[in-house]
């Protein structure tokens, strides 16, 4: 999946952003860069299913590695 940062500028001047195709903490770097570009601060955020998916993959990989020992 291609990585995307979707930015919506609202009529009231607020900004909404969503990351797509980014896993784990990777999305946080993009949001931080957006904050710097806009001289803004995040007021609310939540993790997407992509963030949770990578956490599950890491746990599964760790479990497989533990079984091999």
C-alpha atoms as a PDB file:
ATOM      1  CA  UNK A   1       0.000   0.000   0.000  1.00  0.00           C
ATOM      2  CA  UNK A   2       1.233   3.474  -0.862  1.00  0.00           C
ATOM      3  CA  UNK A   3       1.933   5.805   2.067  1.00  0.00           C
ATOM      4  CA  UNK A   4      -0.348   8.833   2.195  1.00  0.00           C
ATOM      5  CA  UNK A   5      -0.851  11.834   4.432  1.00  0.00           C
ATOM      6  CA  UNK A   6      -4.311  13.278   3.817  1.00  0.00           C
ATOM      7  CA  UNK A   7      -4.755  16.830   5.077  1.00  0.00           C
ATOM      8  CA  UNK A   8      -8.144  18.565   5.278  1.00  0.00           C
ATOM      9  CA  UNK A   9      -8.399  22.301   5.917  1.00  0.00           C
ATOM     10  CA  UNK A  10     -11.729  23.074   7.536  1.00  0.00           C
ATOM     11  CA  UNK A  11     -13.788  26.250   7.158  1.00  0.00           C
ATOM     12  CA  UNK A  12     -13.091  27.190  10.795  1.00  0.00           C
ATOM     13  CA  UNK A  13      -9.332  27.136  10.133  1.00  0.00           C
ATOM     14  CA  UNK A  14      -8.664  23.847  11.886  1.00  0.00           C
ATOM     15  CA  UNK A  15      -6.740  21.064  10.171  1.00  0.00           C
ATOM     16  CA  UNK A  16      -7.499  17.348  10.160  1.00  0.00           C
ATOM     17  CA  UNK A  17      -4.874  14.853   9.011  1.00  0.00           C
ATOM     18  CA  UNK A  18      -4.937  11.119   8.462  1.00  0.00           C
ATOM     19  CA  UNK A  19      -2.114   8.749   7.599  1.00  0.00           C
ATOM     20  CA  UNK A  20      -2.677   5.730   5.382  1.00  0.00           C
ATOM     21  CA  UNK A  21      -0.305   2.857   4.720  1.00  0.00           C
ATOM     22  CA  UNK A  22       2.063   3.708   7.568  1.00  0.00           C
ATOM     23  CA  UNK A  23       2.738   1.198  10.291  1.00  0.00           C
ATOM     24  CA  UNK A  24       3.739   1.568  13.906  1.00  0.00           C
ATOM     25  CA  UNK A  25       5.221   4.867  15.031  1.00  0.00           C
ATOM     26  CA  UNK A  26       6.113   5.891  11.465  1.00  0.00           C
ATOM     27  CA  UNK A  27       2.951   7.989  11.251  1.00  0.00           C
ATOM     28  CA  UNK A  28       3.994  10.093  14.238  1.00  0.00           C
ATOM     29  CA  UNK A  29       6.995  11.485  12.354  1.00  0.00           C
ATOM     30  CA  UNK A  30       4.722  12.668   9.539  1.00  0.00           C
ATOM     31  CA  UNK A  31       2.302  14.340  11.936  1.00  0.00           C
ATOM     32  CA  UNK A  32       5.205  16.014  13.743  1.00  0.00           C
ATOM     33  CA  UNK A  33       6.515  17.362  10.428  1.00  0.00           C
ATOM     34  CA  UNK A  34       3.038  18.653   9.559  1.00  0.00           C
ATOM     35  CA  UNK A  35       2.850  20.429  12.931  1.00  0.00           C
ATOM     36  CA  UNK A  36       6.186  22.121  12.179  1.00  0.00           C
ATOM     37  CA  UNK A  37       5.118  23.175   8.675  1.00  0.00           C
ATOM     38  CA  UNK A  38       1.841  24.650   9.942  1.00  0.00           C
ATOM     39  CA  UNK A  39       3.250  26.006  13.214  1.00  0.00           C
ATOM     40  CA  UNK A  40       0.456  24.045  14.883  1.00  0.00           C
ATOM     41  CA  UNK A  41      -0.111  21.630  17.745  1.00  0.00           C
ATOM     42  CA  UNK A  42      -2.101  18.405  17.689  1.00  0.00           C
ATOM     43  CA  UNK A  43      -5.188  18.704  19.884  1.00  0.00           C
ATOM     44  CA  UNK A  44      -6.441  15.136  19.492  1.00  0.00           C
ATOM     45  CA  UNK A  45      -5.242  11.968  17.802  1.00  0.00           C
ATOM     46  CA  UNK A  46      -5.871   8.254  17.618  1.00  0.00           C
ATOM     47  CA  UNK A  47      -4.094   5.262  16.143  1.00  0.00           C
ATOM     48  CA  UNK A  48      -5.395   3.649  12.958  1.00  0.00           C
ATOM     49  CA  UNK A  49      -5.737  -0.064  12.299  1.00  0.00           C
ATOM     50  CA  UNK A  50      -2.380   0.108  10.460  1.00  0.00           C
ATOM     51  CA  UNK A  51      -0.677   0.986  13.747  1.00  0.00           C
ATOM     52  CA  UNK A  52      -2.351  -1.920  15.528  1.00  0.00           C
ATOM     53  CA  UNK A  53      -1.609  -4.319  12.656  1.00  0.00           C
ATOM     54  CA  UNK A  54       2.138  -3.849  12.983  1.00  0.00           C
ATOM     55  CA  UNK A  55       1.940  -4.379  16.736  1.00  0.00           C
ATOM     56  CA  UNK A  56       0.250  -7.715  16.098  1.00  0.00           C
ATOM     57  CA  UNK A  57       2.859  -8.694  13.505  1.00  0.00           C
ATOM     58  CA  UNK A  58       5.714  -7.905  15.879  1.00  0.00           C
ATOM     59  CA  UNK A  59       4.081  -9.956  18.630  1.00  0.00           C
ATOM     60  CA  UNK A  60       3.602 -12.893  16.242  1.00  0.00           C
ATOM     61  CA  UNK A  61       7.231 -12.683  15.078  1.00  0.00           C
ATOM     62  CA  UNK A  62       8.436 -12.617  18.678  1.00  0.00           C
ATOM     63  CA  UNK A  63       6.260 -15.621  19.509  1.00  0.00           C
ATOM     64  CA  UNK A  64       7.677 -17.560  16.534  1.00  0.00           C
ATOM     65  CA  UNK A  65      11.224 -16.678  17.571  1.00  0.00           C
ATOM     66  CA  UNK A  66      10.571 -17.811  21.147  1.00  0.00           C
ATOM     67  CA  UNK A  67       9.215 -21.141  19.888  1.00  0.00           C
ATOM     68  CA  UNK A  68      12.427 -21.780  17.926  1.00  0.00           C
ATOM     69  CA  UNK A  69      14.573 -21.502  21.060  1.00  0.00           C
END
